[in-house]
Amino acid sequence: MSEVPYLSIILPAHNEVTRLPRALQQLDAYLRQQAYLAEVLVVENGSSDGTAAVARAFAADHPYVRVFEETARGKGLAIKRGMLEARGEYRFFADVDFSMPVAQIERFLPEGIAGYDIAIGSREAPGSIRYHEPWYRHFMGRVNSWIVKLAALPEFEDTQCGFKLFRGDVADDLFSVSRMGGIGFDVEVLFIAKQRGYRVREIGIDWYFDPDSRMRLIQDSLHILQEIIAIRRNWRAGLYARQSVPAPNMAAGRS
């Protein structure tokens, strides 16, 4: 593919042999309706099932899909790999369960977020709607959000929603220095972005509860807090200094 895609969509996939086929079919149906050039990057990391084989089989018939395999586990590692492998002018990552309707990707594209460098999906921003979510699951999410707001990012209501878009050059800048491989990677990238002066907007989305959610209240809350402490320590130590990255080719747009 010689042309620069307008949009790259990154799917981190760990043991997603059941949910990945549906996600890829949904994306394929959506992208067929778009006028712009797009690519999908599936980054399998440390799976013990047939996730990689499912992804490769789909890619064989869909040349816009690229598959990468990481031996280590960690959603942050997978998304970093995808963001840095992506070629798109804009780069969007999504949870494989697509608890947000695929068509709402349009809410994140530049036409809807003029003047911003990053758009993050939010289940708390104006216009958002939650469907079928048990009270305890909402409580778990708000506890984690409260920790993040108190310790790192007070301006955001929902940093952990699994749908985010970055300008390509911004993604290269942020993910070239990010270090967190686990649940705290969202906080780390947004923390660096704010320190860099990038403009971030929360986008309200429709969000459907998935009973297969892998969120854990106590373990995840403690892990996020530990990683926030590490993020602040890394910043003070200068570990997030800008790296020399190739200038992105921004000449191509919608095709």
Protein backbone atom coordinates (compact mmCIF):
# COMPACT_ATOMS: atom_id res chain seq x y z
CA MET A 1 0.00 0.00 0.00
CA SER A 2 1.82 3.12 -1.22
CA GLU A 3 -0.77 5.72 -0.25
CA VAL A 4 -0.88 7.05 3.29
CA PRO A 5 -4.11 5.91 4.97
CA TYR A 6 -6.37 8.61 6.33
CA LEU A 7 -7.23 6.40 9.32
CA SER A 8 -5.45 3.56 11.09
CA ILE A 9 -7.48 1.42 13.50
CA ILE A 10 -5.49 -0.56 16.08
CA LEU A 11 -7.03 -3.58 17.81
CA PRO A 12 -5.06 -5.01 20.75
CA ALA A 13 -5.98 -8.68 21.03
CA HIS A 14 -5.14 -11.00 23.91
CA ASN A 15 -7.06 -14.30 23.92
CA GLU A 16 -9.76 -12.82 21.67
CA VAL A 17 -10.47 -15.82 19.46
CA THR A 18 -14.19 -15.51 20.21
CA ARG A 19 -14.70 -11.73 19.93
CA LEU A 20 -12.15 -10.82 17.26
CA PRO A 21 -14.03 -12.23 14.23
CA ARG A 22 -17.11 -10.15 15.01
CA ALA A 23 -15.01 -7.02 15.53
CA LEU A 24 -13.26 -7.46 12.18
CA GLN A 25 -16.56 -8.10 10.38
CA GLN A 26 -18.08 -4.97 11.93
CA LEU A 27 -15.08 -2.89 10.91
CA ASP A 28 -15.11 -4.31 7.40
CA ALA A 29 -18.79 -3.42 6.94
CA TYR A 30 -18.18 0.09 8.30
CA LEU A 31 -15.05 0.82 6.28
CA ARG A 32 -16.67 -0.31 3.03
CA GLN A 33 -19.05 2.63 3.43
CA GLN A 34 -16.30 5.22 3.89
CA ALA A 35 -14.71 7.29 1.14
CA TYR A 36 -11.31 7.46 2.83
CA LEU A 37 -8.42 5.01 2.78
CA ALA A 38 -8.03 3.03 6.01
CA GLU A 39 -5.98 0.24 7.51
CA VAL A 40 -6.61 -2.09 10.45
CA LEU A 41 -3.77 -3.35 12.62
CA VAL A 42 -4.40 -6.35 14.85
CA VAL A 43 -1.72 -6.67 17.52
CA GLU A 44 -1.89 -10.06 19.20
CA ASN A 45 0.06 -10.22 22.44
CA GLY A 46 0.80 -13.29 24.46
CA SER A 47 -2.37 -15.21 23.63
CA SER A 48 -2.77 -18.88 24.47
CA ASP A 49 -5.65 -19.47 22.06
CA GLY A 50 -5.96 -19.08 18.27
CA THR A 51 -6.22 -15.29 18.19
CA ALA A 52 -3.26 -14.80 15.84
CA ALA A 53 -4.48 -17.49 13.44
CA VAL A 54 -7.95 -15.90 13.29
CA ALA A 55 -6.42 -12.51 12.54
CA ARG A 56 -4.13 -13.89 9.83
CA ALA A 57 -6.99 -15.77 8.19
CA PHE A 58 -9.07 -12.59 7.97
CA ALA A 59 -6.10 -10.57 6.71
CA ALA A 60 -5.52 -13.05 3.91
CA ASP A 61 -8.75 -11.90 2.27
CA HIS A 62 -8.61 -8.28 3.40
CA PRO A 63 -5.36 -6.62 2.33
CA TYR A 64 -5.96 -3.50 4.43
CA VAL A 65 -5.56 -5.63 7.58
CA ARG A 66 -2.08 -6.14 9.02
CA VAL A 67 -1.28 -8.54 11.85
CA PHE A 68 1.52 -8.20 14.40
CA GLU A 69 2.45 -10.61 17.17
CA GLU A 70 4.02 -9.72 20.52
CA THR A 71 5.14 -12.46 22.86
CA ALA A 72 4.70 -10.36 25.99
CA ARG A 73 1.31 -9.64 27.49
CA GLY A 74 0.02 -6.13 28.10
CA LYS A 75 -2.57 -3.96 26.40
CA GLY A 76 -0.27 -0.95 26.57
CA LEU A 77 2.49 -2.88 24.79
CA ALA A 78 0.10 -3.95 22.05
CA ILE A 79 -1.24 -0.45 21.46
CA LYS A 80 2.24 1.07 21.45
CA ARG A 81 3.32 -1.44 18.80
CA GLY A 82 0.23 -0.71 16.73
CA MET A 83 0.54 3.06 17.00
CA LEU A 84 4.17 3.02 15.91
CA GLU A 85 3.56 0.53 13.09
CA ALA A 86 0.54 2.47 11.83
CA ARG A 87 0.86 4.73 8.80
CA GLY A 88 -2.38 6.68 9.14
CA GLU A 89 -2.77 10.41 9.26
CA TYR A 90 -5.05 9.69 12.23
CA ARG A 91 -4.72 6.65 14.50
CA PHE A 92 -7.56 5.18 16.53
CA PHE A 93 -7.43 2.30 18.95
CA ALA A 94 -10.44 0.30 20.05
CA ASP A 95 -11.28 -2.52 22.40
CA VAL A 96 -12.08 -5.71 20.53
CA ASP A 97 -15.46 -6.03 22.23
CA PHE A 98 -16.59 -2.79 20.50
CA SER A 99 -18.80 -1.81 23.40
CA MET A 100 -19.14 1.46 21.46
CA PRO A 101 -21.01 1.14 18.14
CA VAL A 102 -18.51 1.03 15.28
CA ALA A 103 -20.27 3.86 13.44
CA GLN A 104 -19.38 6.24 16.28
CA ILE A 105 -15.78 6.26 15.08
CA GLU A 106 -17.03 9.22 13.07
CA ARG A 107 -17.36 11.25 16.28
CA PHE A 108 -13.59 11.15 16.70
CA LEU A 109 -12.57 12.25 13.22
CA PRO A 110 -11.33 15.80 12.60
CA GLU A 111 -14.63 17.12 11.29
CA GLY A 112 -16.05 16.69 14.78
CA ILE A 113 -13.03 17.68 16.88
CA ALA A 114 -11.54 20.64 15.02
CA GLY A 115 -8.75 22.26 17.01
CA TYR A 116 -7.82 19.16 19.03
CA ASP A 117 -4.85 16.78 18.79
CA ILE A 118 -6.35 13.84 20.68
CA ALA A 119 -9.92 12.65 21.14
CA ILE A 120 -10.79 10.20 23.92
CA GLY A 121 -14.03 8.30 24.25
CA SER A 122 -15.89 8.98 27.47
CA ARG A 123 -18.77 7.30 29.25
CA GLU A 124 -19.18 10.39 31.42
CA ALA A 125 -18.93 13.32 28.97
CA PRO A 126 -22.06 15.17 27.78
CA GLY A 127 -23.92 13.12 25.22
CA SER A 128 -22.73 9.77 26.54
CA ILE A 129 -25.20 6.98 27.30
CA ARG A 130 -24.54 3.76 29.21
CA TYR A 131 -26.60 0.68 28.42
CA HIS A 132 -27.24 -2.37 30.61
CA GLU A 133 -24.46 -1.55 33.08
CA PRO A 134 -24.84 -3.02 36.58
CA TRP A 135 -24.45 -0.53 39.40
CA TYR A 136 -21.38 -2.29 40.78
CA ARG A 137 -19.60 -2.05 37.42
CA HIS A 138 -20.29 1.69 37.26
CA PHE A 139 -19.03 2.03 40.81
CA MET A 140 -15.80 0.23 39.89
CA GLY A 141 -15.23 2.58 36.99
CA ARG A 142 -15.86 5.68 39.07
CA VAL A 143 -13.40 4.53 41.74
CA ASN A 144 -10.67 4.19 39.12
CA SER A 145 -11.61 7.55 37.59
CA TRP A 146 -11.48 9.22 41.00
CA ILE A 147 -7.96 7.85 41.58
CA VAL A 148 -6.79 9.15 38.19
CA LYS A 149 -8.38 12.58 38.70
CA LEU A 150 -6.91 12.95 42.17
CA ALA A 151 -3.42 11.74 41.35
CA ALA A 152 -2.74 12.70 37.74
CA LEU A 153 -5.40 14.11 35.39
CA PRO A 154 -8.05 16.18 37.19
CA GLU A 155 -9.57 17.57 33.99
CA PHE A 156 -10.83 14.24 32.61
CA GLU A 157 -13.83 12.19 33.72
CA ASP A 158 -12.99 8.94 31.95
CA THR A 159 -9.42 8.14 30.94
CA GLN A 160 -9.92 4.37 30.82
CA CYS A 161 -12.48 4.10 28.04
CA GLY A 162 -10.99 1.92 25.32
CA PHE A 163 -11.53 4.23 22.33
CA LYS A 164 -9.02 6.99 21.55
CA LEU A 165 -7.79 8.84 18.48
CA PHE A 166 -4.45 10.59 17.94
CA ARG A 167 -3.07 12.66 15.12
CA GLY A 168 -0.33 10.60 13.50
CA ASP A 169 2.52 12.90 14.45
CA VAL A 170 1.21 13.15 18.01
CA ALA A 171 1.00 9.35 18.26
CA ASP A 172 4.62 9.06 17.08
CA ASP A 173 5.71 11.58 19.70
CA LEU A 174 3.81 10.10 22.64
CA PHE A 175 4.15 6.38 22.00
CA SER A 176 7.84 6.62 21.15
CA VAL A 177 8.47 7.53 24.82
CA SER A 178 5.66 5.70 26.64
CA ARG A 179 6.78 2.95 28.98
CA MET A 180 3.69 1.45 30.64
CA GLY A 181 2.64 -1.92 29.28
CA GLY A 182 -0.37 -2.50 31.50
CA ILE A 183 -3.59 -0.84 32.55
CA GLY A 184 -1.94 2.51 33.30
CA PHE A 185 -0.83 3.17 29.72
CA ASP A 186 -3.85 5.45 29.03
CA VAL A 187 -2.99 7.64 31.99
CA GLU A 188 0.67 7.75 31.03
CA VAL A 189 0.04 8.82 27.44
CA LEU A 190 -2.50 11.48 28.44
CA PHE A 191 -0.22 12.74 31.21
CA ILE A 192 2.65 13.21 28.74
CA ALA A 193 0.24 14.78 26.24
CA LYS A 194 -0.89 17.41 28.74
CA GLN A 195 2.69 18.13 29.77
CA ARG A 196 3.52 18.59 26.08
CA GLY A 197 0.62 21.01 25.65
CA TYR A 198 -1.44 18.86 23.30
CA ARG A 199 -5.15 19.60 23.15
CA VAL A 200 -7.35 16.71 24.33
CA ARG A 201 -11.12 16.45 24.02
CA GLU A 202 -13.47 13.95 25.67
CA ILE A 203 -16.10 12.59 23.29
CA GLY A 204 -19.36 11.25 24.70
CA ILE A 205 -20.20 7.82 23.32
CA ASP A 206 -22.92 5.20 23.55
CA TRP A 207 -21.46 2.39 25.63
CA TYR A 208 -22.89 -1.10 26.05
CA PHE A 209 -21.88 -3.20 29.02
CA ASP A 210 -20.09 -6.43 28.12
CA PRO A 211 -20.52 -9.22 30.73
CA ASP A 212 -17.11 -10.50 29.62
CA SER A 213 -15.44 -7.35 31.01
CA ARG A 214 -12.06 -8.14 32.56
CA MET A 215 -11.99 -5.21 34.96
CA ARG A 216 -11.18 -5.93 38.62
CA LEU A 217 -11.91 -3.31 41.28
CA ILE A 218 -9.23 -3.78 43.92
CA GLN A 219 -6.43 -5.17 41.75
CA ASP A 220 -6.90 -2.67 38.92
CA SER A 221 -7.31 0.32 41.24
CA LEU A 222 -4.10 -0.52 43.09
CA HIS A 223 -2.28 -1.15 39.82
CA ILE A 224 -3.37 2.21 38.39
CA LEU A 225 -2.21 4.00 41.53
CA GLN A 226 1.16 2.26 41.41
CA GLU A 227 1.61 3.16 37.77
CA ILE A 228 0.65 6.81 38.36
CA ILE A 229 3.42 6.99 40.97
CA ALA A 230 5.81 5.49 38.41
CA ILE A 231 4.64 7.96 35.73
CA ARG A 232 5.37 10.95 37.95
CA ARG A 233 8.75 9.48 38.87
CA ASN A 234 9.56 8.91 35.20
CA TRP A 235 8.61 12.49 34.33
CA ARG A 236 10.84 13.93 37.04
CA ALA A 237 13.69 11.70 35.84
CA GLY A 238 13.35 13.02 32.29
CA LEU A 239 12.44 9.63 30.83
CA TYR A 240 9.74 11.10 28.60
CA ALA A 241 12.05 13.47 26.72
CA ARG A 242 11.15 13.71 23.04
CA GLN A 243 12.71 11.12 20.77
CA SER A 244 13.90 11.71 17.23
CA VAL A 245 11.23 10.14 15.03
CA PRO A 246 10.85 10.36 11.25
CA ALA A 247 8.56 13.19 10.18
CA PRO A 248 5.21 11.66 9.14
CA ASN A 249 4.04 12.00 5.56
CA MET A 250 0.89 14.08 5.99
CA ALA A 251 0.39 14.81 2.32
CA ALA A 252 -2.36 12.28 1.73
CA GLY A 253 -5.84 12.76 3.10
CA ARG A 254 -9.16 11.27 2.15
CA SER A 255 -9.10 9.29 -1.07
